Amino acid sequence: MTLLKAFGLAAIAGGLSVCGVCQAHEVKIKGLVLHHPWVHAAVAGDVGTDGFVMITNTGKTPERLIGATLEGAGDAALVRSSSAVDASALCRLENGIEIAPGATLVLKPGASGLLFGAVAKPLREDIYANGTLVFAHAGAVKVEFYVQADDSKAASHSATGAMAACVVPATQ
């Protein structure tokens, strides 16, 4: 029985160590911790795709996320759901999103996120795509967006298309 348990634990440990894409990734820079930036998979010709990330401001001054880029996709817009009933009803956050010192901003499906425009280069599952997150003070920070399955098809709006500005300024 002990040998069987040891074999099982070794198999689990071995499986975890070879699953590099299962591990979340993060970037630490200028008082910010950018945890697991990711985008939904998309094929060339798609109208757009959406992206998400968790950002913690460990600094002593407020920071503001104001934009992003994604290799192979068009311009990005920061958006949030403008309807509690319909998560696909989006409004553009024209002034970005402020992150107070000690606060964490979570961009996630059905809430706030990045909406990238037309996809010119395929974004296949389980790869990383180069991009940046752009901040008011820290500037453009290079990140790798992990590409995950798009099970929601939420990126049906073009980042450059007609979209109302949000009425209330976004802060975190």
N, C-alpha and C. Protein backbone atom coordinates (compact mmCIF):
# COMPACT_ATOMS: atom_id res chain seq x y z
N MET A 1 0.82 -1.20 0.00
CA MET A 1 0.00 0.00 0.00
C MET A 1 0.86 1.26 0.00
N THR A 2 1.93 1.29 0.79
CA THR A 2 2.80 2.45 0.84
C THR A 2 3.46 2.69 -0.50
N LEU A 3 3.89 1.62 -1.17
CA LEU A 3 4.50 1.75 -2.49
C LEU A 3 3.49 2.31 -3.49
N LEU A 4 2.26 1.88 -3.40
CA LEU A 4 1.21 2.37 -4.30
C LEU A 4 0.96 3.87 -4.07
N LYS A 5 0.92 4.29 -2.79
CA LYS A 5 0.73 5.70 -2.48
C LYS A 5 1.91 6.53 -3.00
N ALA A 6 3.12 6.01 -2.80
CA ALA A 6 4.31 6.73 -3.27
C ALA A 6 4.29 6.86 -4.79
N PHE A 7 3.91 5.79 -5.49
CA PHE A 7 3.83 5.84 -6.95
C PHE A 7 2.79 6.86 -7.39
N GLY A 8 1.64 6.87 -6.71
CA GLY A 8 0.58 7.81 -7.06
C GLY A 8 1.01 9.25 -6.85
N LEU A 9 1.67 9.53 -5.73
CA LEU A 9 2.16 10.88 -5.47
C LEU A 9 3.22 11.29 -6.47
N ALA A 10 4.11 10.36 -6.83
CA ALA A 10 5.14 10.67 -7.83
C ALA A 10 4.51 10.97 -9.18
N ALA A 11 3.48 10.23 -9.54
CA ALA A 11 2.80 10.47 -10.82
C ALA A 11 2.12 11.83 -10.83
N ILE A 12 1.50 12.18 -9.71
CA ILE A 12 0.85 13.49 -9.62
C ILE A 12 1.89 14.60 -9.71
N ALA A 13 2.98 14.47 -8.95
CA ALA A 13 4.03 15.49 -8.98
C ALA A 13 4.64 15.61 -10.35
N GLY A 14 4.87 14.51 -11.01
CA GLY A 14 5.43 14.53 -12.36
C GLY A 14 4.48 15.19 -13.34
N GLY A 15 3.19 14.91 -13.20
CA GLY A 15 2.19 15.52 -14.08
C GLY A 15 2.12 17.02 -13.89
N LEU A 16 2.24 17.47 -12.65
CA LEU A 16 2.18 18.90 -12.40
C LEU A 16 3.41 19.62 -12.94
N SER A 17 4.57 18.98 -12.86
CA SER A 17 5.79 19.66 -13.29
C SER A 17 5.87 19.81 -14.80
N VAL A 18 5.24 18.94 -15.56
CA VAL A 18 5.30 19.06 -17.02
C VAL A 18 4.18 19.93 -17.56
N CYS A 19 3.29 20.34 -16.72
CA CYS A 19 2.15 21.14 -17.17
C CYS A 19 2.45 22.62 -16.97
N GLY A 20 3.44 23.13 -17.70
CA GLY A 20 3.83 24.52 -17.57
C GLY A 20 2.71 25.50 -17.89
N VAL A 21 1.86 25.16 -18.87
CA VAL A 21 0.79 26.08 -19.25
C VAL A 21 -0.32 26.12 -18.21
N CYS A 22 -0.33 25.14 -17.28
CA CYS A 22 -1.34 25.14 -16.23
C CYS A 22 -1.03 26.18 -15.16
N GLN A 23 0.22 26.61 -15.09
CA GLN A 23 0.63 27.54 -14.06
C GLN A 23 0.34 28.97 -14.51
N ALA A 24 -0.22 29.74 -13.60
CA ALA A 24 -0.46 31.15 -13.90
C ALA A 24 0.88 31.87 -13.96
N HIS A 25 0.93 32.93 -14.72
CA HIS A 25 2.17 33.69 -14.85
C HIS A 25 1.92 35.13 -14.41
N GLU A 26 3.00 35.80 -13.99
CA GLU A 26 2.84 37.17 -13.55
C GLU A 26 4.08 37.99 -13.87
N VAL A 27 3.87 39.31 -13.91
CA VAL A 27 4.94 40.27 -14.15
C VAL A 27 4.89 41.25 -12.99
N LYS A 28 6.06 41.54 -12.41
CA LYS A 28 6.16 42.54 -11.34
C LYS A 28 7.02 43.68 -11.87
N ILE A 29 6.46 44.90 -11.85
CA ILE A 29 7.19 46.06 -12.35
C ILE A 29 6.61 47.35 -11.77
N LYS A 30 7.46 48.22 -11.34
CA LYS A 30 7.09 49.57 -10.89
C LYS A 30 5.90 49.60 -9.93
N GLY A 31 5.92 48.74 -8.92
CA GLY A 31 4.86 48.73 -7.93
C GLY A 31 3.58 48.04 -8.37
N LEU A 32 3.63 47.33 -9.49
CA LEU A 32 2.46 46.62 -9.99
C LEU A 32 2.77 45.12 -10.09
N VAL A 33 1.76 44.32 -9.80
CA VAL A 33 1.85 42.88 -10.03
C VAL A 33 0.74 42.55 -11.01
N LEU A 34 1.14 42.11 -12.21
CA LEU A 34 0.20 41.76 -13.28
C LEU A 34 0.10 40.24 -13.29
N HIS A 35 -1.04 39.71 -12.85
CA HIS A 35 -1.19 38.28 -12.67
C HIS A 35 -2.04 37.66 -13.78
N HIS A 36 -1.45 36.72 -14.49
CA HIS A 36 -2.09 35.90 -15.52
C HIS A 36 -2.91 36.69 -16.55
N PRO A 37 -2.25 37.55 -17.34
CA PRO A 37 -2.98 38.16 -18.46
C PRO A 37 -3.37 37.07 -19.46
N TRP A 38 -4.60 37.11 -19.95
CA TRP A 38 -5.04 36.10 -20.90
C TRP A 38 -6.08 36.67 -21.86
N VAL A 39 -6.20 36.02 -23.00
CA VAL A 39 -7.19 36.39 -24.01
C VAL A 39 -7.92 35.14 -24.47
N HIS A 40 -9.09 35.34 -25.04
CA HIS A 40 -9.81 34.23 -25.64
C HIS A 40 -9.22 33.90 -27.01
N ALA A 41 -9.21 32.63 -27.35
CA ALA A 41 -8.75 32.18 -28.65
C ALA A 41 -9.62 32.80 -29.75
N ALA A 42 -9.01 33.02 -30.91
CA ALA A 42 -9.74 33.61 -32.03
C ALA A 42 -9.04 33.21 -33.33
N VAL A 43 -9.79 33.20 -34.40
CA VAL A 43 -9.21 32.90 -35.71
C VAL A 43 -9.02 34.19 -36.48
N ALA A 44 -8.08 34.18 -37.41
CA ALA A 44 -7.87 35.35 -38.26
C ALA A 44 -9.18 35.69 -38.95
N GLY A 45 -9.53 36.96 -38.94
CA GLY A 45 -10.78 37.42 -39.53
C GLY A 45 -11.88 37.66 -38.52
N ASP A 46 -11.69 37.18 -37.28
CA ASP A 46 -12.69 37.46 -36.24
C ASP A 46 -12.76 38.96 -36.01
N VAL A 47 -13.93 39.44 -35.63
CA VAL A 47 -14.15 40.86 -35.38
C VAL A 47 -13.33 41.36 -34.20
N GLY A 48 -12.98 40.48 -33.27
CA GLY A 48 -12.20 40.87 -32.11
C GLY A 48 -12.08 39.74 -31.11
N THR A 49 -11.40 40.01 -30.03
CA THR A 49 -11.31 39.08 -28.92
C THR A 49 -11.20 39.89 -27.64
N ASP A 50 -11.43 39.23 -26.54
CA ASP A 50 -11.38 39.94 -25.27
C ASP A 50 -10.26 39.41 -24.40
N GLY A 51 -9.78 40.27 -23.49
CA GLY A 51 -8.66 39.91 -22.64
C GLY A 51 -8.91 40.31 -21.20
N PHE A 52 -8.19 39.63 -20.31
CA PHE A 52 -8.42 39.81 -18.88
C PHE A 52 -7.11 39.70 -18.12
N VAL A 53 -7.08 40.24 -16.91
CA VAL A 53 -5.88 40.21 -16.08
C VAL A 53 -6.28 40.64 -14.67
N MET A 54 -5.45 40.28 -13.70
CA MET A 54 -5.61 40.78 -12.33
C MET A 54 -4.38 41.64 -12.05
N ILE A 55 -4.59 42.88 -11.59
CA ILE A 55 -3.49 43.82 -11.35
C ILE A 55 -3.57 44.31 -9.91
N THR A 56 -2.47 44.14 -9.18
CA THR A 56 -2.38 44.66 -7.81
C THR A 56 -1.39 45.81 -7.80
N ASN A 57 -1.81 46.91 -7.20
CA ASN A 57 -0.95 48.08 -7.04
C ASN A 57 -0.30 47.98 -5.67
N THR A 58 0.98 47.60 -5.63
CA THR A 58 1.70 47.49 -4.36
C THR A 58 2.43 48.79 -4.02
N GLY A 59 2.28 49.79 -4.87
CA GLY A 59 2.95 51.07 -4.66
C GLY A 59 2.21 51.96 -3.68
N LYS A 60 2.72 53.19 -3.55
CA LYS A 60 2.14 54.16 -2.61
C LYS A 60 1.30 55.23 -3.31
N THR A 61 1.25 55.20 -4.65
CA THR A 61 0.46 56.18 -5.39
C THR A 61 -0.51 55.46 -6.33
N PRO A 62 -1.62 56.11 -6.64
CA PRO A 62 -2.58 55.50 -7.57
C PRO A 62 -1.95 55.31 -8.96
N GLU A 63 -2.41 54.30 -9.66
CA GLU A 63 -2.01 54.04 -11.04
C GLU A 63 -3.29 53.89 -11.84
N ARG A 64 -3.19 54.05 -13.15
CA ARG A 64 -4.37 53.96 -14.02
C ARG A 64 -4.03 53.11 -15.22
N LEU A 65 -4.81 52.05 -15.43
CA LEU A 65 -4.71 51.25 -16.66
C LEU A 65 -5.44 52.01 -17.74
N ILE A 66 -4.72 52.35 -18.83
CA ILE A 66 -5.34 53.19 -19.87
C ILE A 66 -5.41 52.52 -21.23
N GLY A 67 -4.78 51.37 -21.40
CA GLY A 67 -4.84 50.72 -22.70
C GLY A 67 -4.07 49.42 -22.73
N ALA A 68 -4.04 48.83 -23.92
CA ALA A 68 -3.34 47.56 -24.11
C ALA A 68 -3.11 47.34 -25.59
N THR A 69 -2.17 46.46 -25.89
CA THR A 69 -1.95 46.00 -27.26
C THR A 69 -1.86 44.48 -27.24
N LEU A 70 -2.15 43.88 -28.38
CA LEU A 70 -2.05 42.44 -28.56
C LEU A 70 -1.57 42.19 -29.98
N GLU A 71 -0.42 41.53 -30.09
CA GLU A 71 0.14 41.23 -31.40
C GLU A 71 -0.87 40.44 -32.23
N GLY A 72 -1.15 40.93 -33.42
CA GLY A 72 -2.08 40.24 -34.31
C GLY A 72 -3.53 40.66 -34.15
N ALA A 73 -3.79 41.68 -33.32
CA ALA A 73 -5.16 42.16 -33.15
C ALA A 73 -5.17 43.68 -33.25
N GLY A 74 -6.35 44.22 -33.49
CA GLY A 74 -6.50 45.66 -33.64
C GLY A 74 -6.48 46.40 -32.32
N ASP A 75 -6.79 47.69 -32.40
CA ASP A 75 -6.80 48.57 -31.23
C ASP A 75 -7.62 47.98 -30.09
N ALA A 76 -7.21 48.31 -28.87
CA ALA A 76 -7.91 47.82 -27.69
C ALA A 76 -8.73 48.93 -27.04
N ALA A 77 -9.80 48.53 -26.38
CA ALA A 77 -10.60 49.44 -25.57
C ALA A 77 -10.80 48.78 -24.21
N LEU A 78 -10.77 49.59 -23.17
CA LEU A 78 -11.16 49.11 -21.85
C LEU A 78 -12.67 49.22 -21.77
N VAL A 79 -13.33 48.15 -21.38
CA VAL A 79 -14.79 48.13 -21.35
C VAL A 79 -15.28 47.50 -20.05
N ARG A 80 -16.54 47.76 -19.77
CA ARG A 80 -17.20 47.04 -18.69
C ARG A 80 -18.63 46.79 -19.10
N SER A 81 -19.22 45.80 -18.46
CA SER A 81 -20.61 45.48 -18.73
C SER A 81 -21.46 46.64 -18.25
N SER A 82 -22.38 47.06 -19.08
CA SER A 82 -23.24 48.19 -18.71
C SER A 82 -24.63 47.72 -18.30
N SER A 83 -24.80 46.41 -18.19
CA SER A 83 -26.10 45.87 -17.85
C SER A 83 -25.95 44.66 -16.93
N ALA A 84 -26.70 44.65 -15.85
CA ALA A 84 -26.68 43.50 -14.94
C ALA A 84 -27.38 42.31 -15.59
N VAL A 85 -28.21 42.56 -16.60
CA VAL A 85 -28.96 41.51 -17.25
C VAL A 85 -28.20 40.93 -18.44
N ASP A 86 -27.52 41.78 -19.20
CA ASP A 86 -26.84 41.36 -20.43
C ASP A 86 -25.36 41.72 -20.35
N ALA A 87 -24.51 40.71 -20.05
CA ALA A 87 -23.07 40.96 -19.89
C ALA A 87 -22.41 41.39 -21.20
N SER A 88 -23.07 41.17 -22.35
CA SER A 88 -22.48 41.58 -23.62
C SER A 88 -22.77 43.04 -23.94
N ALA A 89 -23.61 43.71 -23.13
CA ALA A 89 -23.87 45.14 -23.31
C ALA A 89 -22.70 45.89 -22.67
N LEU A 90 -21.83 46.44 -23.51
CA LEU A 90 -20.58 47.03 -23.03
C LEU A 90 -20.57 48.54 -23.19
N CYS A 91 -19.83 49.19 -22.29
CA CYS A 91 -19.55 50.61 -22.45
C CYS A 91 -18.04 50.80 -22.34
N ARG A 92 -17.54 51.79 -23.06
CA ARG A 92 -16.11 52.08 -23.11
C ARG A 92 -15.71 52.94 -21.92
N LEU A 93 -14.59 52.55 -21.27
CA LEU A 93 -14.04 53.32 -20.16
C LEU A 93 -13.01 54.28 -20.74
N GLU A 94 -13.47 55.44 -21.16
CA GLU A 94 -12.65 56.40 -21.89
C GLU A 94 -11.40 56.84 -21.13
N ASN A 95 -11.48 56.93 -19.81
CA ASN A 95 -10.36 57.40 -19.00
C ASN A 95 -9.60 56.28 -18.31
N GLY A 96 -9.85 55.06 -18.71
CA GLY A 96 -9.17 53.93 -18.11
C GLY A 96 -9.78 53.56 -16.76
N ILE A 97 -8.99 52.80 -15.99
CA ILE A 97 -9.45 52.35 -14.67
C ILE A 97 -8.35 52.64 -13.66
N GLU A 98 -8.71 53.40 -12.62
CA GLU A 98 -7.74 53.71 -11.58
C GLU A 98 -7.59 52.54 -10.62
N ILE A 99 -6.34 52.31 -10.18
CA ILE A 99 -6.05 51.27 -9.20
C ILE A 99 -5.39 51.97 -8.01
N ALA A 100 -6.10 52.05 -6.90
CA ALA A 100 -5.60 52.73 -5.71
C ALA A 100 -4.45 51.93 -5.10
N PRO A 101 -3.58 52.60 -4.33
CA PRO A 101 -2.51 51.88 -3.65
C PRO A 101 -3.09 50.78 -2.75
N GLY A 102 -2.52 49.58 -2.87
CA GLY A 102 -2.99 48.44 -2.09
C GLY A 102 -4.19 47.73 -2.66
N ALA A 103 -4.78 48.27 -3.73
CA ALA A 103 -5.98 47.68 -4.32
C ALA A 103 -5.62 46.70 -5.44
N THR A 104 -6.58 45.83 -5.75
CA THR A 104 -6.43 44.88 -6.85
C THR A 104 -7.58 45.08 -7.82
N LEU A 105 -7.24 45.24 -9.08
CA LEU A 105 -8.20 45.34 -10.17
C LEU A 105 -8.31 43.97 -10.82
N VAL A 106 -9.53 43.47 -10.95
CA VAL A 106 -9.74 42.18 -11.59
C VAL A 106 -10.57 42.39 -12.85
N LEU A 107 -9.94 42.21 -14.01
CA LEU A 107 -10.68 42.23 -15.27
C LEU A 107 -11.08 40.79 -15.53
N LYS A 108 -12.39 40.54 -15.67
CA LYS A 108 -12.87 39.17 -15.83
C LYS A 108 -14.12 39.16 -16.71
N PRO A 109 -14.39 38.01 -17.34
CA PRO A 109 -15.57 37.92 -18.20
C PRO A 109 -16.84 38.30 -17.45
N GLY A 110 -17.71 39.03 -18.13
CA GLY A 110 -18.98 39.44 -17.56
C GLY A 110 -18.90 40.70 -16.72
N ALA A 111 -17.70 41.26 -16.58
CA ALA A 111 -17.53 42.47 -15.77
C ALA A 111 -16.77 43.49 -16.61
N SER A 112 -15.52 43.76 -16.25
CA SER A 112 -14.66 44.66 -17.01
C SER A 112 -13.61 43.86 -17.75
N GLY A 113 -13.12 44.41 -18.86
CA GLY A 113 -12.09 43.71 -19.62
C GLY A 113 -11.49 44.57 -20.70
N LEU A 114 -10.63 43.95 -21.47
CA LEU A 114 -10.01 44.57 -22.63
C LEU A 114 -10.71 44.00 -23.86
N LEU A 115 -11.05 44.85 -24.77
CA LEU A 115 -11.67 44.39 -26.01
C LEU A 115 -10.76 44.79 -27.15
N PHE A 116 -10.16 43.79 -27.78
CA PHE A 116 -9.24 44.02 -28.89
C PHE A 116 -10.01 43.96 -30.20
N GLY A 117 -9.61 44.79 -31.16
CA GLY A 117 -10.26 44.85 -32.46
C GLY A 117 -9.89 43.69 -33.35
N ALA A 118 -10.16 43.82 -34.63
CA ALA A 118 -10.04 42.77 -35.63
C ALA A 118 -8.78 41.92 -35.46
N VAL A 119 -8.98 40.62 -35.52
CA VAL A 119 -7.90 39.65 -35.35
C VAL A 119 -7.32 39.32 -36.72
N ALA A 120 -6.04 39.67 -36.92
CA ALA A 120 -5.38 39.42 -38.19
C ALA A 120 -4.52 38.16 -38.14
N LYS A 121 -4.14 37.75 -36.95
CA LYS A 121 -3.25 36.60 -36.75
C LYS A 121 -3.96 35.63 -35.82
N PRO A 122 -4.05 34.34 -36.18
CA PRO A 122 -4.77 33.40 -35.32
C PRO A 122 -4.22 33.37 -33.90
N LEU A 123 -5.11 33.29 -32.95
CA LEU A 123 -4.76 33.15 -31.54
C LEU A 123 -5.23 31.76 -31.11
N ARG A 124 -4.31 30.79 -31.20
CA ARG A 124 -4.65 29.40 -30.89
C ARG A 124 -4.51 29.13 -29.40
N GLU A 125 -5.37 28.25 -28.90
CA GLU A 125 -5.35 27.87 -27.50
C GLU A 125 -3.98 27.37 -27.05
N ASP A 126 -3.67 27.62 -25.79
CA ASP A 126 -2.49 27.10 -25.12
C ASP A 126 -1.17 27.64 -25.66
N ILE A 127 -1.20 28.86 -26.20
CA ILE A 127 0.04 29.54 -26.57
C ILE A 127 0.05 30.89 -25.87
N TYR A 128 1.15 31.59 -25.97
CA TYR A 128 1.25 32.94 -25.45
C TYR A 128 1.34 33.91 -26.62
N ALA A 129 0.67 35.05 -26.49
CA ALA A 129 0.72 36.10 -27.51
C ALA A 129 1.32 37.35 -26.88
N ASN A 130 2.24 37.98 -27.57
CA ASN A 130 2.89 39.19 -27.05
C ASN A 130 1.93 40.36 -27.04
N GLY A 131 2.10 41.20 -26.04
CA GLY A 131 1.28 42.39 -25.95
C GLY A 131 1.83 43.33 -24.90
N THR A 132 1.07 44.35 -24.60
CA THR A 132 1.42 45.29 -23.53
C THR A 132 0.17 45.66 -22.76
N LEU A 133 0.38 46.05 -21.52
CA LEU A 133 -0.64 46.75 -20.75
C LEU A 133 -0.08 48.15 -20.57
N VAL A 134 -0.89 49.16 -20.82
CA VAL A 134 -0.41 50.54 -20.80
C VAL A 134 -1.00 51.26 -19.59
N PHE A 135 -0.09 51.86 -18.82
CA PHE A 135 -0.46 52.56 -17.58
C PHE A 135 -0.10 54.03 -17.69
N ALA A 136 -0.83 54.86 -16.96
CA ALA A 136 -0.59 56.31 -16.98
C ALA A 136 0.80 56.66 -16.48
N HIS A 137 1.29 55.98 -15.45
CA HIS A 137 2.59 56.31 -14.87
C HIS A 137 3.67 55.30 -15.24
N ALA A 138 3.37 54.04 -15.18
CA ALA A 138 4.36 52.99 -15.46
C ALA A 138 4.64 52.85 -16.96
N GLY A 139 3.76 53.40 -17.80
CA GLY A 139 3.95 53.30 -19.25
C GLY A 139 3.52 51.94 -19.78
N ALA A 140 4.08 51.59 -20.94
CA ALA A 140 3.76 50.31 -21.58
C ALA A 140 4.59 49.21 -20.96
N VAL A 141 3.91 48.20 -20.43
CA VAL A 141 4.57 47.07 -19.79
C VAL A 141 4.36 45.84 -20.67
N LYS A 142 5.46 45.22 -21.10
CA LYS A 142 5.35 44.03 -21.95
C LYS A 142 4.80 42.86 -21.14
N VAL A 143 3.84 42.17 -21.73
CA VAL A 143 3.27 40.97 -21.12
C VAL A 143 3.08 39.92 -22.20
N GLU A 144 2.88 38.71 -21.75
CA GLU A 144 2.47 37.63 -22.64
C GLU A 144 1.06 37.24 -22.22
N PHE A 145 0.12 37.36 -23.14
CA PHE A 145 -1.25 36.95 -22.88
C PHE A 145 -1.36 35.46 -23.17
N TYR A 146 -1.81 34.69 -22.21
CA TYR A 146 -2.06 33.26 -22.43
C TYR A 146 -3.37 33.14 -23.19
N VAL A 147 -3.41 32.30 -24.22
CA VAL A 147 -4.60 32.15 -25.05
C VAL A 147 -5.41 30.95 -24.55
N GLN A 148 -6.65 31.22 -24.13
CA GLN A 148 -7.53 30.19 -23.59
C GLN A 148 -8.74 30.01 -24.51
N ALA A 149 -9.41 28.88 -24.36
CA ALA A 149 -10.60 28.58 -25.15
C ALA A 149 -11.64 29.68 -24.97
N ASP A 150 -12.31 30.02 -26.06
CA ASP A 150 -13.39 31.00 -25.98
C ASP A 150 -14.70 30.23 -25.90
N ASP A 151 -15.14 30.00 -24.68
CA ASP A 151 -16.38 29.28 -24.47
C ASP A 151 -17.59 30.19 -24.39
N SER A 152 -17.35 31.51 -24.45
CA SER A 152 -18.46 32.45 -24.28
C SER A 152 -18.83 33.18 -25.55
N LYS A 153 -17.87 33.32 -26.46
CA LYS A 153 -18.08 34.14 -27.67
C LYS A 153 -18.51 35.55 -27.29
N ALA A 154 -17.96 36.06 -26.17
CA ALA A 154 -18.35 37.39 -25.67
C ALA A 154 -17.76 38.53 -26.47
N ALA A 155 -16.73 38.27 -27.25
CA ALA A 155 -16.07 39.36 -27.98
C ALA A 155 -16.77 39.61 -29.30
N SER A 156 -18.05 39.94 -29.25
CA SER A 156 -18.80 40.15 -30.47
C SER A 156 -18.82 41.62 -30.89
N HIS A 157 -18.27 42.48 -30.08
CA HIS A 157 -18.21 43.90 -30.40
C HIS A 157 -16.81 44.24 -30.90
N SER A 158 -16.70 45.12 -31.83
CA SER A 158 -15.39 45.60 -32.27
C SER A 158 -14.92 46.67 -31.30
N ALA A 159 -13.64 46.64 -30.96
CA ALA A 159 -13.10 47.63 -30.03
C ALA A 159 -13.20 49.04 -30.59
N THR A 160 -13.27 49.15 -31.89
CA THR A 160 -13.34 50.47 -32.49
C THR A 160 -14.74 50.82 -32.96
N GLY A 161 -15.69 49.92 -32.73
CA GLY A 161 -17.06 50.15 -33.17
C GLY A 161 -17.81 51.10 -32.26
N ALA A 162 -19.07 51.34 -32.60
CA ALA A 162 -19.89 52.24 -31.81
C ALA A 162 -20.18 51.61 -30.46
N MET A 163 -19.84 52.34 -29.41
CA MET A 163 -20.06 51.86 -28.06
C MET A 163 -20.16 53.10 -27.18
N ALA A 164 -21.14 53.13 -26.34
CA ALA A 164 -21.33 54.29 -25.47
C ALA A 164 -20.23 54.36 -24.42
N ALA A 165 -19.88 55.57 -24.03
CA ALA A 165 -18.95 55.76 -22.92
C ALA A 165 -19.71 55.47 -21.63
N CYS A 166 -19.02 54.91 -20.64
CA CYS A 166 -19.65 54.65 -19.34
C CYS A 166 -19.93 55.97 -18.65
N VAL A 167 -21.04 56.03 -17.96
CA VAL A 167 -21.46 57.26 -17.30
C VAL A 167 -20.64 57.52 -16.04
N VAL A 168 -20.34 56.49 -15.26
CA VAL A 168 -19.63 56.66 -14.00
C VAL A 168 -18.15 56.30 -14.20
N PRO A 169 -17.20 57.12 -13.72
CA PRO A 169 -15.80 56.80 -13.87
C PRO A 169 -15.44 55.53 -13.12
N ALA A 170 -14.55 54.74 -13.69
CA ALA A 170 -14.16 53.47 -13.10
C ALA A 170 -12.97 53.63 -12.17
N THR A 171 -13.09 53.12 -10.98
CA THR A 171 -11.97 53.06 -10.04
C THR A 171 -11.98 51.71 -9.36
N GLN A 172 -10.84 51.32 -8.83
CA GLN A 172 -10.72 50.07 -8.09
C GLN A 172 -10.00 50.33 -6.82
